[in-house]
Amino acid sequence: MNGVRAIKLLGLILGVVLLNIIVLSPGLLGVEIGGTSVFETALGVTLLFVSLLVVLYESYILLFKPSSIPAVKTLKSYEDYIAALTQYKNVKVLKKDIALALDQISRMEKKRSTLLDVLGQRFESTELSFKKFNAVSYEVAKLFYLNIRGILNKLSVFDASEFTLFSSQHRPSQFSDKLVQKKTALYNEYLAYVTGYLGANEEILLKLDKLLLEISLLDSTDYTDVEEMPCMKEIDELIKQTKFYKQ
């Protein structure tokens, strides 16, 4: 159970306890169990019973029912991607990859913000150079999040618990070694795709760093055409060669 669910459960229990204290305390609402009024006794017992049912039901929801994973096709903002990835962060075999993916998103957004600041300091927003750099920033971010989407597509094929079930530390004894080997090989193949996407995004982040450096050195270069800058060429080539990229 994560911290948010723990807080919700604690708040629920405190709320139910407080309600029962207010209703059943002598001198407040006058409801007394075992008193002279049968109606008050029945009301008090009913309140306790309903309170118990509410606590048990909500405890089940918060403790055992898995959170729904957003549909990959509906993801739009970087916050959506973070929320989708976070669903897998407690899966042992995926922890490092998910942590890296979340870190990459954070770095991507910071670099995009820095790039816009640098461009704003060197060019007017109406200048052609500004528009070209900004367009490249958009296309690179699009490619970056297509890779994140690729990760989520691979992970969404299986229930998250299955990655742990067929990891090397958790092999079901009731299955044959041959079946376990096949299943494990399949999961390792999917995990390899995840690693590949992460590597591609790390390359994108590196190229953005290079682009920022080249922009900072523009005053000391002789480039008359933005598109002829080495890193701009590299980024353009990267976009063209990536089979996952679509206009």
Protein backbone atom coordinates (compact mmCIF):
# COMPACT_ATOMS: atom_id res chain seq x y z
CA MET A 1 0.00 0.00 0.00
CA ASN A 2 1.42 3.38 -0.96
CA GLY A 3 1.42 6.49 1.22
CA VAL A 4 -1.65 8.04 -0.40
CA ARG A 5 -3.77 4.95 0.23
CA ALA A 6 -2.51 4.72 3.84
CA ILE A 7 -3.53 8.31 4.47
CA LYS A 8 -6.95 7.72 2.93
CA LEU A 9 -7.52 4.62 5.07
CA LEU A 10 -6.41 6.38 8.25
CA GLY A 11 -8.67 9.33 7.46
CA LEU A 12 -11.61 6.99 6.88
CA ILE A 13 -11.09 5.18 10.19
CA LEU A 14 -10.74 8.44 12.10
CA GLY A 15 -13.88 9.81 10.45
CA VAL A 16 -15.93 6.71 11.32
CA VAL A 17 -14.67 6.72 14.92
CA LEU A 18 -15.46 10.41 15.28
CA LEU A 19 -18.97 9.91 13.88
CA ASN A 20 -19.67 7.09 16.32
CA ILE A 21 -18.38 9.14 19.26
CA ILE A 22 -20.60 12.08 18.35
CA VAL A 23 -23.71 9.96 17.83
CA LEU A 24 -23.29 7.59 20.78
CA SER A 25 -21.85 9.92 23.42
CA PRO A 26 -24.36 10.74 26.20
CA GLY A 27 -25.40 14.36 26.21
CA LEU A 28 -24.71 14.98 22.52
CA LEU A 29 -27.36 13.42 20.27
CA GLY A 30 -28.95 11.32 22.98
CA VAL A 31 -28.56 7.98 21.23
CA GLU A 32 -27.82 5.26 23.79
CA ILE A 33 -27.35 1.54 23.28
CA GLY A 34 -29.04 -0.53 26.01
CA GLY A 35 -31.06 2.39 27.34
CA THR A 36 -34.79 2.65 27.86
CA SER A 37 -35.54 3.40 24.20
CA VAL A 38 -35.62 0.40 21.88
CA PHE A 39 -35.43 2.75 18.89
CA GLU A 40 -32.23 4.39 20.15
CA THR A 41 -30.68 1.00 20.82
CA ALA A 42 -31.57 -0.24 17.33
CA LEU A 43 -30.24 3.00 15.80
CA GLY A 44 -26.98 2.72 17.74
CA VAL A 45 -26.44 -0.94 16.81
CA THR A 46 -27.24 -0.19 13.16
CA LEU A 47 -24.72 2.65 13.14
CA LEU A 48 -21.99 0.40 14.54
CA PHE A 49 -22.80 -2.35 12.03
CA VAL A 50 -22.85 0.01 9.04
CA SER A 51 -19.61 1.64 10.26
CA LEU A 52 -17.92 -1.76 10.38
CA LEU A 53 -19.11 -2.60 6.85
CA VAL A 54 -17.87 0.74 5.50
CA VAL A 55 -14.43 0.31 7.09
CA LEU A 56 -14.09 -3.29 5.85
CA TYR A 57 -15.19 -2.45 2.30
CA GLU A 58 -13.01 0.63 1.96
CA SER A 59 -10.08 -1.24 3.52
CA TYR A 60 -10.42 -3.90 0.84
CA ILE A 61 -10.54 -1.27 -1.91
CA LEU A 62 -7.50 0.58 -0.59
CA LEU A 63 -5.43 -2.44 0.47
CA PHE A 64 -6.09 -5.11 -2.13
CA LYS A 65 -7.81 -3.70 -5.22
CA PRO A 66 -5.19 -2.69 -7.81
CA SER A 67 -5.25 0.82 -9.20
CA SER A 68 -6.47 1.11 -12.75
CA ILE A 69 -3.73 1.79 -15.29
CA PRO A 70 -4.52 4.62 -17.72
CA ALA A 71 -5.00 3.47 -21.31
CA VAL A 72 -1.79 4.20 -23.21
CA LYS A 73 -3.63 5.72 -26.16
CA THR A 74 -5.22 8.38 -23.94
CA LEU A 75 -1.93 9.72 -22.57
CA LYS A 76 -1.29 13.33 -23.55
CA SER A 77 0.65 15.38 -21.01
CA TYR A 78 3.92 14.40 -19.36
CA GLU A 79 1.97 14.12 -16.10
CA ASP A 80 -0.12 11.38 -17.76
CA TYR A 81 3.02 9.46 -18.66
CA ILE A 82 4.36 9.81 -15.12
CA ALA A 83 1.09 8.50 -13.68
CA ALA A 84 1.10 5.54 -16.07
CA LEU A 85 4.69 4.60 -15.29
CA THR A 86 4.17 4.98 -11.55
CA GLN A 87 1.74 2.04 -11.66
CA TYR A 88 4.76 -0.24 -12.18
CA LYS A 89 7.30 1.34 -9.82
CA ASN A 90 6.73 -1.22 -7.04
CA VAL A 91 7.18 -4.24 -9.32
CA LYS A 92 10.57 -5.55 -8.16
CA VAL A 93 11.91 -6.63 -11.53
CA LEU A 94 10.91 -3.27 -13.09
CA LYS A 95 11.92 -0.88 -10.31
CA LYS A 96 15.22 0.31 -11.80
CA ASP A 97 13.81 0.73 -15.30
CA ILE A 98 10.75 2.64 -14.11
CA ALA A 99 12.87 4.85 -11.87
CA LEU A 100 15.11 5.65 -14.85
CA ALA A 101 12.13 6.35 -17.12
CA LEU A 102 10.63 8.76 -14.56
CA ASP A 103 14.01 10.45 -14.16
CA GLN A 104 14.33 10.77 -17.94
CA ILE A 105 10.94 12.49 -18.15
CA SER A 106 11.99 14.95 -15.46
CA ARG A 107 15.25 15.69 -17.28
CA MET A 108 13.50 16.04 -20.64
CA GLU A 109 11.07 18.65 -19.31
CA LYS A 110 13.90 20.58 -17.65
CA LYS A 111 15.98 20.57 -20.84
CA ARG A 112 13.03 21.74 -22.94
CA SER A 113 12.41 24.57 -20.49
CA THR A 114 16.11 25.50 -20.52
CA LEU A 115 16.19 25.42 -24.31
CA LEU A 116 13.25 27.81 -24.54
CA ASP A 117 14.92 30.15 -22.04
CA VAL A 118 18.18 30.13 -24.00
CA LEU A 119 16.40 30.69 -27.31
CA GLY A 120 14.41 33.54 -25.79
CA GLN A 121 17.64 35.21 -24.70
CA ARG A 122 19.33 34.91 -28.12
CA PHE A 123 16.47 35.30 -30.60
CA GLU A 124 13.14 36.98 -31.02
CA SER A 125 10.25 34.52 -31.14
CA THR A 126 9.45 35.76 -34.66
CA GLU A 127 12.93 34.98 -36.00
CA LEU A 128 13.36 32.00 -38.31
CA SER A 129 16.21 30.58 -36.18
CA PHE A 130 13.98 30.55 -33.09
CA LYS A 131 11.23 28.77 -35.00
CA LYS A 132 13.63 26.15 -36.36
CA PHE A 133 15.12 25.37 -32.95
CA ASN A 134 11.68 25.30 -31.35
CA ALA A 135 10.36 22.97 -34.04
CA VAL A 136 13.26 20.57 -33.44
CA SER A 137 12.58 20.68 -29.70
CA TYR A 138 8.97 19.70 -30.35
CA GLU A 139 9.89 16.84 -32.70
CA VAL A 140 12.52 15.47 -30.32
CA ALA A 141 10.07 15.56 -27.42
CA LYS A 142 7.52 13.79 -29.61
CA LEU A 143 10.05 11.05 -30.36
CA PHE A 144 11.01 10.84 -26.68
CA TYR A 145 7.42 10.30 -25.55
CA LEU A 146 6.82 7.80 -28.35
CA ASN A 147 9.58 5.77 -26.71
CA ILE A 148 7.89 6.11 -23.31
CA ARG A 149 4.64 5.03 -24.95
CA GLY A 150 6.51 2.04 -26.36
CA ILE A 151 7.61 1.07 -22.85
CA LEU A 152 4.05 1.30 -21.56
CA ASN A 153 2.71 -0.70 -24.49
CA LYS A 154 5.14 -3.52 -23.71
CA LEU A 155 4.32 -3.50 -20.00
CA SER A 156 0.56 -3.33 -20.53
CA VAL A 157 0.52 -6.67 -22.37
CA PHE A 158 0.95 -8.50 -19.06
CA ASP A 159 -0.33 -8.04 -15.54
CA ALA A 160 2.43 -6.40 -13.52
CA SER A 161 2.51 -9.32 -11.06
CA GLU A 162 3.49 -11.70 -13.88
CA PHE A 163 6.85 -9.99 -14.29
CA THR A 164 7.64 -10.93 -10.69
CA LEU A 165 6.09 -14.39 -11.02
CA PHE A 166 8.43 -15.40 -13.80
CA SER A 167 11.54 -13.59 -12.67
CA SER A 168 14.48 -15.78 -11.73
CA GLN A 169 13.66 -15.51 -8.02
CA HIS A 170 10.01 -16.53 -8.33
CA ARG A 171 9.48 -19.56 -10.53
CA PRO A 172 6.24 -21.51 -10.03
CA SER A 173 7.13 -25.05 -8.92
CA GLN A 174 3.99 -26.59 -10.44
CA PHE A 175 5.09 -25.71 -13.99
CA SER A 176 7.63 -27.69 -16.01
CA ASP A 177 11.13 -26.30 -16.40
CA LYS A 178 10.61 -26.06 -20.16
CA LEU A 179 7.47 -23.95 -19.77
CA VAL A 180 9.10 -21.72 -17.19
CA GLN A 181 12.11 -21.25 -19.48
CA LYS A 182 9.87 -20.24 -22.38
CA LYS A 183 7.86 -17.83 -20.26
CA THR A 184 11.00 -16.38 -18.72
CA ALA A 185 12.58 -15.93 -22.15
CA LEU A 186 9.45 -14.13 -23.34
CA TYR A 187 9.44 -11.75 -20.37
CA ASN A 188 13.16 -11.12 -20.80
CA GLU A 189 12.48 -10.23 -24.41
CA TYR A 190 9.88 -7.68 -23.35
CA LEU A 191 12.25 -6.29 -20.73
CA ALA A 192 14.92 -5.98 -23.42
CA TYR A 193 12.54 -3.80 -25.42
CA VAL A 194 12.08 -1.60 -22.35
CA THR A 195 15.85 -1.28 -21.98
CA GLY A 196 16.12 -0.40 -25.66
CA TYR A 197 13.59 2.40 -25.37
CA LEU A 198 15.38 3.76 -22.30
CA GLY A 199 18.68 3.71 -24.17
CA ALA A 200 17.14 5.57 -27.12
CA ASN A 201 15.76 8.24 -24.80
CA GLU A 202 19.12 8.62 -23.07
CA GLU A 203 20.63 9.31 -26.50
CA ILE A 204 17.95 11.93 -27.15
CA LEU A 205 18.75 13.65 -23.85
CA LEU A 206 22.45 13.63 -24.72
CA LYS A 207 21.78 15.24 -28.09
CA LEU A 208 19.71 17.94 -26.42
CA ASP A 209 22.66 18.68 -24.14
CA LYS A 210 24.89 18.98 -27.18
CA LEU A 211 22.37 21.24 -28.89
CA LEU A 212 22.26 23.53 -25.85
CA LEU A 213 26.04 23.72 -25.89
CA GLU A 214 26.14 24.57 -29.59
CA ILE A 215 23.52 27.29 -29.15
CA SER A 216 25.54 28.79 -26.29
CA LEU A 217 28.55 28.97 -28.65
CA LEU A 218 26.72 30.53 -31.60
CA ASP A 219 28.45 33.89 -31.13
CA SER A 220 31.84 32.27 -31.75
CA THR A 221 30.88 30.28 -34.84
CA ASP A 222 30.36 31.10 -38.47
CA TYR A 223 27.16 29.16 -39.02
CA THR A 224 24.72 31.04 -41.20
CA ASP A 225 22.21 28.22 -41.42
CA VAL A 226 20.84 26.62 -38.26
CA GLU A 227 20.22 23.37 -40.09
CA GLU A 228 23.94 23.03 -40.82
CA MET A 229 24.88 22.90 -37.14
CA PRO A 230 26.37 19.45 -36.31
CA CYS A 231 23.93 18.60 -33.54
CA MET A 232 20.94 19.75 -35.58
CA LYS A 233 22.05 17.33 -38.31
CA GLU A 234 22.42 14.52 -35.75
CA ILE A 235 18.98 15.13 -34.31
CA ASP A 236 17.40 15.30 -37.75
CA GLU A 237 19.09 12.02 -38.71
CA LEU A 238 17.97 10.40 -35.47
CA ILE A 239 14.36 11.30 -36.14
CA LYS A 240 14.50 10.04 -39.73
CA GLN A 241 16.11 6.72 -38.79
CA THR A 242 13.84 5.85 -35.87
CA LYS A 243 11.30 3.32 -37.07
CA PHE A 244 8.97 4.18 -34.18
CA TYR A 245 8.69 7.77 -35.32
CA LYS A 246 5.64 8.86 -37.30
CA GLN A 247 4.67 12.30 -38.50
